[in-house]
């Protein structure tokens, strides 16, 4: 025998209940936005650190070690970050 689920009919809510519901939903969404922003920031910091590590490894392996290498302008367009950010990552400022 299949149990039938009873469904209650919605009751008319007051404006106060609606306001409280709206505030709870807004708070949930705001918390989610904050978590997303922190996650994106963390991912970008990790990405910049990895880019820097790659560059340092190449720089340290090159001859002579003390020479400065600029990131070629034609390569800069391949990255979805602006020139200022790229220069900061590369330490060229």
C-alpha atoms as a PDB file:
ATOM      1  CA  UNK A   1       0.000   0.000   0.000  1.00  0.00           C
ATOM      2  CA  UNK A   2       1.354   3.435  -0.959  1.00  0.00           C
ATOM      3  CA  UNK A   3       1.241   6.012   1.774  1.00  0.00           C
ATOM      4  CA  UNK A   4      -0.405   9.220   0.707  1.00  0.00           C
ATOM      5  CA  UNK A   5       1.319  12.401   1.712  1.00  0.00           C
ATOM      6  CA  UNK A   6      -0.964  14.982   3.159  1.00  0.00           C
ATOM      7  CA  UNK A   7      -0.438  18.463   1.944  1.00  0.00           C
ATOM      8  CA  UNK A   8      -1.566  21.431   3.918  1.00  0.00           C
ATOM      9  CA  UNK A   9      -2.955  24.387   2.133  1.00  0.00           C
ATOM     10  CA  UNK A  10      -0.804  27.495   2.422  1.00  0.00           C
ATOM     11  CA  UNK A  11      -2.138  30.066   4.789  1.00  0.00           C
ATOM     12  CA  UNK A  12      -2.149  33.748   4.122  1.00  0.00           C
ATOM     13  CA  UNK A  13       0.997  35.208   5.591  1.00  0.00           C
ATOM     14  CA  UNK A  14       1.257  38.594   7.145  1.00  0.00           C
ATOM     15  CA  UNK A  15       3.401  41.392   5.747  1.00  0.00           C
ATOM     16  CA  UNK A  16       5.675  40.947   8.773  1.00  0.00           C
ATOM     17  CA  UNK A  17       6.203  37.260   7.946  1.00  0.00           C
ATOM     18  CA  UNK A  18       6.953  38.190   4.342  1.00  0.00           C
ATOM     19  CA  UNK A  19       9.502  40.788   5.469  1.00  0.00           C
ATOM     20  CA  UNK A  20      11.204  38.282   7.764  1.00  0.00           C
ATOM     21  CA  UNK A  21      11.330  35.713   4.953  1.00  0.00           C
ATOM     22  CA  UNK A  22      12.799  38.289   2.584  1.00  0.00           C
ATOM     23  CA  UNK A  23      15.458  39.253   5.132  1.00  0.00           C
ATOM     24  CA  UNK A  24      16.462  35.610   5.712  1.00  0.00           C
ATOM     25  CA  UNK A  25      16.695  34.936   1.968  1.00  0.00           C
ATOM     26  CA  UNK A  26      18.678  38.147   1.412  1.00  0.00           C
ATOM     27  CA  UNK A  27      21.074  37.171   4.218  1.00  0.00           C
ATOM     28  CA  UNK A  28      21.614  33.698   2.715  1.00  0.00           C
ATOM     29  CA  UNK A  29      22.377  35.188  -0.697  1.00  0.00           C
ATOM     30  CA  UNK A  30      24.701  37.833   0.748  1.00  0.00           C
ATOM     31  CA  UNK A  31      26.655  35.170   2.643  1.00  0.00           C
ATOM     32  CA  UNK A  32      26.965  33.128  -0.555  1.00  0.00           C
ATOM     33  CA  UNK A  33      28.265  36.169  -2.465  1.00  0.00           C
ATOM     34  CA  UNK A  34      30.870  36.748   0.227  1.00  0.00           C
ATOM     35  CA  UNK A  35      31.996  33.129   0.056  1.00  0.00           C
ATOM     36  CA  UNK A  36      32.271  33.336  -3.733  1.00  0.00           C
ATOM     37  CA  UNK A  37      34.340  36.536  -3.538  1.00  0.00           C
ATOM     38  CA  UNK A  38      36.714  34.979  -0.999  1.00  0.00           C
ATOM     39  CA  UNK A  39      37.051  31.844  -3.124  1.00  0.00           C
ATOM     40  CA  UNK A  40      37.834  33.856  -6.251  1.00  0.00           C
ATOM     41  CA  UNK A  41      40.363  36.005  -4.380  1.00  0.00           C
ATOM     42  CA  UNK A  42      42.055  32.894  -2.998  1.00  0.00           C
ATOM     43  CA  UNK A  43      42.197  31.297  -6.448  1.00  0.00           C
ATOM     44  CA  UNK A  44      43.680  34.441  -8.001  1.00  0.00           C
ATOM     45  CA  UNK A  45      46.352  34.757  -5.297  1.00  0.00           C
ATOM     46  CA  UNK A  46      47.261  31.111  -5.854  1.00  0.00           C
ATOM     47  CA  UNK A  47      47.383  31.647  -9.625  1.00  0.00           C
ATOM     48  CA  UNK A  48      49.627  34.717  -9.294  1.00  0.00           C
ATOM     49  CA  UNK A  49      51.906  32.830  -6.909  1.00  0.00           C
ATOM     50  CA  UNK A  50      52.182  29.914  -9.366  1.00  0.00           C
ATOM     51  CA  UNK A  51      52.916  32.309 -12.247  1.00  0.00           C
ATOM     52  CA  UNK A  52      55.622  33.955 -10.178  1.00  0.00           C
ATOM     53  CA  UNK A  53      57.116  30.596  -9.240  1.00  0.00           C
ATOM     54  CA  UNK A  54      57.251  29.539 -12.901  1.00  0.00           C
ATOM     55  CA  UNK A  55      58.984  32.765 -13.857  1.00  0.00           C
ATOM     56  CA  UNK A  56      61.489  32.508 -11.006  1.00  0.00           C
ATOM     57  CA  UNK A  57      62.329  28.939 -11.978  1.00  0.00           C
ATOM     58  CA  UNK A  58      63.002  30.001 -15.572  1.00  0.00           C
ATOM     59  CA  UNK A  59      64.969  33.053 -14.444  1.00  0.00           C
ATOM     60  CA  UNK A  60      67.118  31.012 -12.088  1.00  0.00           C
ATOM     61  CA  UNK A  61      67.853  28.450 -14.805  1.00  0.00           C
ATOM     62  CA  UNK A  62      68.836  31.065 -17.408  1.00  0.00           C
ATOM     63  CA  UNK A  63      72.350  32.340 -18.118  1.00  0.00           C
ATOM     64  CA  UNK A  64      73.464  34.784 -16.815  1.00  0.00           C
ATOM     65  CA  UNK A  65      71.295  34.555 -13.722  1.00  0.00           C
ATOM     66  CA  UNK A  66      71.381  38.251 -12.787  1.00  0.00           C
ATOM     67  CA  UNK A  67      69.987  39.617 -16.063  1.00  0.00           C
ATOM     68  CA  UNK A  68      66.490  41.050 -16.115  1.00  0.00           C
ATOM     69  CA  UNK A  69      63.896  39.527 -18.403  1.00  0.00           C
ATOM     70  CA  UNK A  70      60.812  41.412 -19.475  1.00  0.00           C
ATOM     71  CA  UNK A  71      57.690  39.504 -20.333  1.00  0.00           C
ATOM     72  CA  UNK A  72      57.261  39.956 -24.116  1.00  0.00           C
ATOM     73  CA  UNK A  73      54.386  42.267 -24.995  1.00  0.00           C
ATOM     74  CA  UNK A  74      53.051  39.785 -27.574  1.00  0.00           C
ATOM     75  CA  UNK A  75      52.653  37.211 -24.784  1.00  0.00           C
ATOM     76  CA  UNK A  76      50.860  39.596 -22.443  1.00  0.00           C
ATOM     77  CA  UNK A  77      47.695  39.533 -24.563  1.00  0.00           C
ATOM     78  CA  UNK A  78      47.298  35.802 -23.864  1.00  0.00           C
ATOM     79  CA  UNK A  79      46.445  36.433 -20.218  1.00  0.00           C
ATOM     80  CA  UNK A  80      43.049  37.650 -18.996  1.00  0.00           C
ATOM     81  CA  UNK A  81      44.585  40.241 -16.688  1.00  0.00           C
ATOM     82  CA  UNK A  82      45.495  43.817 -17.379  1.00  0.00           C
ATOM     83  CA  UNK A  83      49.040  45.019 -17.972  1.00  0.00           C
ATOM     84  CA  UNK A  84      49.317  46.629 -14.535  1.00  0.00           C
ATOM     85  CA  UNK A  85      48.449  43.332 -12.818  1.00  0.00           C
ATOM     86  CA  UNK A  86      50.843  41.396 -15.000  1.00  0.00           C
ATOM     87  CA  UNK A  87      53.656  43.835 -14.269  1.00  0.00           C
ATOM     88  CA  UNK A  88      52.961  43.540 -10.542  1.00  0.00           C
ATOM     89  CA  UNK A  89      53.145  39.757 -10.763  1.00  0.00           C
ATOM     90  CA  UNK A  90      56.389  39.939 -12.692  1.00  0.00           C
ATOM     91  CA  UNK A  91      57.877  42.571 -10.407  1.00  0.00           C
ATOM     92  CA  UNK A  92      58.568  44.951 -13.287  1.00  0.00           C
ATOM     93  CA  UNK A  93      57.109  48.077 -11.712  1.00  0.00           C
END
